[in-house]
Amino acid sequence: MGMNMQKMMRQMQKMQADLEKVQAELGEMTVEGTAGGGVITAIVTGHQDVKEIKIQPDAVDPEDVEMLEDLILAAVNDGLRKSRELSASELEKVTGKVNLQGLPPGLF
């Protein structure tokens, strides 16, 4: 049983190193959330940081600021959703379908 435990510990250490690498890479990856047919774009990293908001000039109507606010919110939320999907997809490449919840804190 000692050998199996050592093998399992090595696999866990490798998985942890791989997860740390993926986490670092996610900070460099970006996705685009859009709204209004692309008139608003939110660039979001794999860490769910909003890096940039792009607004097409024709989206700006001084008479309807509320519409612009709604479009920006929709684009940011779309970007955050895509960022979470990217993160889950990238992490799953390392963990497979392993459920990491319930493991002792600090392992991952």
N, C-alpha and C. Protein backbone atom coordinates (compact mmCIF):
# COMPACT_ATOMS: atom_id res chain seq x y z
N MET A 1 0.82 -1.20 0.00
CA MET A 1 0.00 0.00 0.00
C MET A 1 0.86 1.25 0.00
N GLY A 2 2.09 1.19 0.55
CA GLY A 2 2.98 2.32 0.58
C GLY A 2 3.34 2.82 -0.81
N MET A 3 3.57 1.90 -1.75
CA MET A 3 3.93 2.29 -3.11
C MET A 3 2.76 2.99 -3.80
N ASN A 4 1.55 2.47 -3.57
CA ASN A 4 0.38 3.10 -4.17
C ASN A 4 0.19 4.52 -3.64
N MET A 5 0.44 4.69 -2.34
CA MET A 5 0.31 6.02 -1.74
C MET A 5 1.36 6.96 -2.32
N GLN A 6 2.58 6.51 -2.49
CA GLN A 6 3.63 7.34 -3.08
C GLN A 6 3.28 7.71 -4.51
N LYS A 7 2.77 6.75 -5.25
CA LYS A 7 2.39 7.01 -6.65
C LYS A 7 1.26 8.04 -6.68
N MET A 8 0.29 7.86 -5.79
CA MET A 8 -0.82 8.80 -5.74
C MET A 8 -0.33 10.21 -5.37
N MET A 9 0.59 10.30 -4.43
CA MET A 9 1.12 11.61 -4.03
C MET A 9 1.87 12.27 -5.19
N ARG A 10 2.64 11.48 -5.96
CA ARG A 10 3.35 12.04 -7.13
C ARG A 10 2.34 12.55 -8.16
N GLN A 11 1.27 11.78 -8.37
CA GLN A 11 0.24 12.21 -9.32
C GLN A 11 -0.43 13.49 -8.85
N MET A 12 -0.68 13.58 -7.54
CA MET A 12 -1.30 14.79 -7.00
C MET A 12 -0.37 15.99 -7.15
N GLN A 13 0.92 15.80 -6.91
CA GLN A 13 1.89 16.88 -7.06
C GLN A 13 1.97 17.35 -8.51
N LYS A 14 1.95 16.39 -9.44
CA LYS A 14 1.98 16.75 -10.87
C LYS A 14 0.71 17.51 -11.24
N MET A 15 -0.43 17.04 -10.76
CA MET A 15 -1.69 17.72 -11.06
C MET A 15 -1.68 19.13 -10.49
N GLN A 16 -1.15 19.29 -9.29
CA GLN A 16 -1.09 20.62 -8.68
C GLN A 16 -0.19 21.54 -9.51
N ALA A 17 0.96 21.03 -9.97
CA ALA A 17 1.86 21.85 -10.80
C ALA A 17 1.17 22.21 -12.12
N ASP A 18 0.47 21.25 -12.70
CA ASP A 18 -0.25 21.51 -13.96
C ASP A 18 -1.35 22.54 -13.75
N LEU A 19 -2.04 22.45 -12.62
CA LEU A 19 -3.10 23.42 -12.32
C LEU A 19 -2.54 24.82 -12.15
N GLU A 20 -1.40 24.93 -11.49
CA GLU A 20 -0.77 26.23 -11.32
C GLU A 20 -0.37 26.82 -12.66
N LYS A 21 0.12 25.98 -13.56
CA LYS A 21 0.50 26.43 -14.91
C LYS A 21 -0.74 26.93 -15.66
N VAL A 22 -1.82 26.17 -15.59
CA VAL A 22 -3.05 26.56 -16.28
C VAL A 22 -3.58 27.87 -15.70
N GLN A 23 -3.53 28.01 -14.38
CA GLN A 23 -4.00 29.25 -13.76
C GLN A 23 -3.21 30.46 -14.28
N ALA A 24 -1.90 30.29 -14.40
CA ALA A 24 -1.07 31.38 -14.93
C ALA A 24 -1.44 31.69 -16.38
N GLU A 25 -1.65 30.64 -17.17
CA GLU A 25 -2.01 30.83 -18.58
C GLU A 25 -3.36 31.50 -18.72
N LEU A 26 -4.31 31.17 -17.85
CA LEU A 26 -5.64 31.78 -17.91
C LEU A 26 -5.57 33.29 -17.74
N GLY A 27 -4.61 33.77 -16.97
CA GLY A 27 -4.45 35.21 -16.80
C GLY A 27 -4.07 35.92 -18.08
N GLU A 28 -3.48 35.17 -19.02
CA GLU A 28 -3.08 35.74 -20.30
C GLU A 28 -4.14 35.55 -21.40
N MET A 29 -5.03 34.59 -21.20
CA MET A 29 -6.08 34.31 -22.20
C MET A 29 -7.20 35.32 -22.06
N THR A 30 -7.83 35.64 -23.19
CA THR A 30 -8.97 36.56 -23.16
C THR A 30 -10.13 36.00 -23.98
N VAL A 31 -11.31 36.45 -23.63
CA VAL A 31 -12.52 36.17 -24.40
C VAL A 31 -13.22 37.49 -24.64
N GLU A 32 -14.12 37.50 -25.61
CA GLU A 32 -14.88 38.70 -25.91
C GLU A 32 -16.35 38.46 -25.64
N GLY A 33 -16.92 39.31 -24.82
CA GLY A 33 -18.37 39.32 -24.64
C GLY A 33 -18.92 40.46 -25.46
N THR A 34 -20.07 40.24 -26.08
CA THR A 34 -20.64 41.29 -26.93
C THR A 34 -22.12 41.50 -26.59
N ALA A 35 -22.61 42.64 -27.03
CA ALA A 35 -24.03 42.96 -26.89
C ALA A 35 -24.40 43.90 -28.02
N GLY A 36 -25.69 43.96 -28.28
CA GLY A 36 -26.20 44.87 -29.31
C GLY A 36 -25.66 44.55 -30.69
N GLY A 37 -25.50 43.27 -30.99
CA GLY A 37 -25.00 42.89 -32.30
C GLY A 37 -23.55 43.27 -32.51
N GLY A 38 -22.81 43.42 -31.42
CA GLY A 38 -21.38 43.72 -31.52
C GLY A 38 -21.04 45.19 -31.35
N VAL A 39 -22.03 46.03 -31.04
CA VAL A 39 -21.71 47.45 -30.85
C VAL A 39 -20.98 47.70 -29.54
N ILE A 40 -21.12 46.76 -28.59
CA ILE A 40 -20.39 46.82 -27.33
C ILE A 40 -19.61 45.52 -27.19
N THR A 41 -18.33 45.62 -26.88
CA THR A 41 -17.49 44.44 -26.66
C THR A 41 -16.76 44.61 -25.34
N ALA A 42 -16.76 43.53 -24.55
CA ALA A 42 -16.01 43.50 -23.30
C ALA A 42 -14.94 42.42 -23.43
N ILE A 43 -13.69 42.80 -23.20
CA ILE A 43 -12.58 41.85 -23.24
C ILE A 43 -12.31 41.43 -21.80
N VAL A 44 -12.37 40.11 -21.54
CA VAL A 44 -12.25 39.57 -20.19
C VAL A 44 -11.18 38.48 -20.19
N THR A 45 -10.33 38.49 -19.13
CA THR A 45 -9.30 37.45 -19.03
C THR A 45 -9.90 36.16 -18.45
N GLY A 46 -9.10 35.11 -18.51
CA GLY A 46 -9.50 33.84 -17.92
C GLY A 46 -9.60 33.90 -16.40
N HIS A 47 -9.14 34.99 -15.80
CA HIS A 47 -9.28 35.21 -14.36
C HIS A 47 -10.48 36.09 -14.05
N GLN A 48 -11.33 36.33 -15.05
CA GLN A 48 -12.53 37.15 -14.95
C GLN A 48 -12.25 38.61 -14.64
N ASP A 49 -11.10 39.11 -15.11
CA ASP A 49 -10.80 40.54 -15.02
C ASP A 49 -11.23 41.19 -16.33
N VAL A 50 -12.05 42.24 -16.24
CA VAL A 50 -12.46 42.99 -17.43
C VAL A 50 -11.29 43.89 -17.81
N LYS A 51 -10.72 43.65 -18.99
CA LYS A 51 -9.53 44.39 -19.42
C LYS A 51 -9.86 45.58 -20.31
N GLU A 52 -10.96 45.48 -21.03
CA GLU A 52 -11.24 46.54 -22.00
C GLU A 52 -12.73 46.52 -22.35
N ILE A 53 -13.26 47.71 -22.59
CA ILE A 53 -14.63 47.87 -23.10
C ILE A 53 -14.52 48.66 -24.39
N LYS A 54 -15.09 48.12 -25.46
CA LYS A 54 -15.11 48.82 -26.75
C LYS A 54 -16.55 49.20 -27.07
N ILE A 55 -16.73 50.46 -27.46
CA ILE A 55 -18.07 50.97 -27.77
C ILE A 55 -18.03 51.58 -29.17
N GLN A 56 -18.84 51.04 -30.05
CA GLN A 56 -18.96 51.61 -31.39
C GLN A 56 -19.68 52.96 -31.28
N PRO A 57 -19.24 53.96 -32.02
CA PRO A 57 -19.83 55.30 -31.91
C PRO A 57 -21.35 55.32 -32.09
N ASP A 58 -21.87 54.47 -32.98
CA ASP A 58 -23.32 54.51 -33.21
C ASP A 58 -24.12 53.94 -32.03
N ALA A 59 -23.45 53.37 -31.03
CA ALA A 59 -24.14 52.88 -29.83
C ALA A 59 -24.41 54.02 -28.85
N VAL A 60 -23.76 55.16 -29.06
CA VAL A 60 -23.87 56.27 -28.12
C VAL A 60 -24.98 57.21 -28.57
N ASP A 61 -26.04 57.24 -27.77
CA ASP A 61 -27.16 58.15 -28.02
C ASP A 61 -27.37 58.95 -26.73
N PRO A 62 -26.98 60.23 -26.74
CA PRO A 62 -27.11 61.03 -25.52
C PRO A 62 -28.54 61.07 -24.97
N GLU A 63 -29.51 60.79 -25.81
CA GLU A 63 -30.91 60.79 -25.39
C GLU A 63 -31.31 59.48 -24.72
N ASP A 64 -30.44 58.44 -24.83
CA ASP A 64 -30.79 57.13 -24.29
C ASP A 64 -29.58 56.48 -23.62
N VAL A 65 -29.08 57.12 -22.58
CA VAL A 65 -27.92 56.62 -21.85
C VAL A 65 -28.24 55.28 -21.20
N GLU A 66 -29.48 55.10 -20.77
CA GLU A 66 -29.87 53.85 -20.11
C GLU A 66 -29.67 52.65 -21.03
N MET A 67 -29.94 52.80 -22.31
CA MET A 67 -29.74 51.71 -23.27
C MET A 67 -28.25 51.36 -23.35
N LEU A 68 -27.40 52.37 -23.39
CA LEU A 68 -25.95 52.14 -23.44
C LEU A 68 -25.49 51.40 -22.18
N GLU A 69 -26.00 51.82 -21.03
CA GLU A 69 -25.65 51.15 -19.77
C GLU A 69 -26.07 49.68 -19.80
N ASP A 70 -27.27 49.41 -20.30
CA ASP A 70 -27.76 48.03 -20.40
C ASP A 70 -26.90 47.20 -21.34
N LEU A 71 -26.50 47.78 -22.45
CA LEU A 71 -25.66 47.06 -23.41
C LEU A 71 -24.29 46.75 -22.80
N ILE A 72 -23.73 47.70 -22.07
CA ILE A 72 -22.43 47.47 -21.43
C ILE A 72 -22.55 46.34 -20.41
N LEU A 73 -23.57 46.38 -19.58
CA LEU A 73 -23.78 45.30 -18.61
C LEU A 73 -23.93 43.95 -19.31
N ALA A 74 -24.69 43.91 -20.38
CA ALA A 74 -24.89 42.65 -21.10
C ALA A 74 -23.58 42.13 -21.69
N ALA A 75 -22.77 43.03 -22.25
CA ALA A 75 -21.49 42.62 -22.82
C ALA A 75 -20.54 42.11 -21.74
N VAL A 76 -20.49 42.81 -20.61
CA VAL A 76 -19.61 42.38 -19.51
C VAL A 76 -20.06 41.03 -18.97
N ASN A 77 -21.35 40.87 -18.77
CA ASN A 77 -21.86 39.59 -18.27
C ASN A 77 -21.60 38.46 -19.26
N ASP A 78 -21.72 38.73 -20.55
CA ASP A 78 -21.42 37.73 -21.57
C ASP A 78 -19.94 37.37 -21.52
N GLY A 79 -19.08 38.37 -21.37
CA GLY A 79 -17.65 38.11 -21.27
C GLY A 79 -17.29 37.31 -20.03
N LEU A 80 -17.90 37.63 -18.90
CA LEU A 80 -17.64 36.89 -17.67
C LEU A 80 -18.10 35.44 -17.79
N ARG A 81 -19.25 35.23 -18.42
CA ARG A 81 -19.75 33.87 -18.63
C ARG A 81 -18.78 33.07 -19.49
N LYS A 82 -18.33 33.69 -20.58
CA LYS A 82 -17.38 33.01 -21.47
C LYS A 82 -16.05 32.76 -20.76
N SER A 83 -15.65 33.68 -19.90
CA SER A 83 -14.42 33.50 -19.13
C SER A 83 -14.53 32.31 -18.19
N ARG A 84 -15.67 32.18 -17.52
CA ARG A 84 -15.87 31.03 -16.63
C ARG A 84 -15.86 29.72 -17.42
N GLU A 85 -16.47 29.73 -18.61
CA GLU A 85 -16.46 28.53 -19.45
C GLU A 85 -15.04 28.19 -19.89
N LEU A 86 -14.27 29.20 -20.27
CA LEU A 86 -12.88 28.98 -20.66
C LEU A 86 -12.09 28.39 -19.51
N SER A 87 -12.24 28.97 -18.33
CA SER A 87 -11.53 28.50 -17.16
C SER A 87 -11.89 27.04 -16.85
N ALA A 88 -13.16 26.73 -16.85
CA ALA A 88 -13.60 25.36 -16.57
C ALA A 88 -13.04 24.39 -17.60
N SER A 89 -13.07 24.79 -18.87
CA SER A 89 -12.56 23.94 -19.94
C SER A 89 -11.06 23.68 -19.80
N GLU A 90 -10.30 24.74 -19.51
CA GLU A 90 -8.84 24.61 -19.37
C GLU A 90 -8.48 23.77 -18.14
N LEU A 91 -9.19 23.99 -17.03
CA LEU A 91 -8.91 23.22 -15.82
C LEU A 91 -9.29 21.76 -15.99
N GLU A 92 -10.36 21.51 -16.75
CA GLU A 92 -10.78 20.13 -16.98
C GLU A 92 -9.74 19.35 -17.77
N LYS A 93 -8.96 20.04 -18.59
CA LYS A 93 -7.90 19.37 -19.33
C LYS A 93 -6.88 18.74 -18.38
N VAL A 94 -6.71 19.36 -17.21
CA VAL A 94 -5.75 18.86 -16.22
C VAL A 94 -6.42 17.85 -15.30
N THR A 95 -7.61 18.17 -14.85
CA THR A 95 -8.25 17.35 -13.81
C THR A 95 -9.12 16.24 -14.39
N GLY A 96 -9.42 16.29 -15.68
CA GLY A 96 -10.40 15.35 -16.22
C GLY A 96 -11.74 15.69 -15.62
N LYS A 97 -12.48 14.71 -15.27
CA LYS A 97 -13.80 14.93 -14.67
C LYS A 97 -13.73 14.81 -13.15
N VAL A 98 -12.52 14.85 -12.60
CA VAL A 98 -12.35 14.72 -11.15
C VAL A 98 -13.04 15.87 -10.45
N ASN A 99 -13.81 15.54 -9.44
CA ASN A 99 -14.47 16.57 -8.63
C ASN A 99 -13.50 16.99 -7.53
N LEU A 100 -12.95 18.18 -7.62
CA LEU A 100 -11.96 18.64 -6.66
C LEU A 100 -12.60 19.21 -5.40
N GLN A 101 -13.90 19.41 -5.42
CA GLN A 101 -14.57 19.92 -4.23
C GLN A 101 -14.60 18.81 -3.19
N GLY A 102 -14.43 19.18 -1.97
CA GLY A 102 -14.45 18.19 -0.91
C GLY A 102 -13.05 17.71 -0.53
N LEU A 103 -12.04 18.09 -1.34
CA LEU A 103 -10.68 17.74 -0.98
C LEU A 103 -10.20 18.71 0.10
N PRO A 104 -9.25 18.29 0.90
CA PRO A 104 -8.75 19.18 1.95
C PRO A 104 -8.24 20.50 1.37
N PRO A 105 -8.47 21.62 2.06
CA PRO A 105 -7.99 22.92 1.60
C PRO A 105 -6.47 22.91 1.43
N GLY A 106 -6.01 23.61 0.42
CA GLY A 106 -4.59 23.72 0.19
C GLY A 106 -4.04 22.72 -0.79
N LEU A 107 -4.82 21.69 -1.10
CA LEU A 107 -4.32 20.72 -2.09
C LEU A 107 -4.32 21.34 -3.47
N PHE A 108 -5.35 22.14 -3.76
CA PHE A 108 -5.44 22.78 -5.07
C PHE A 108 -5.84 24.21 -4.92
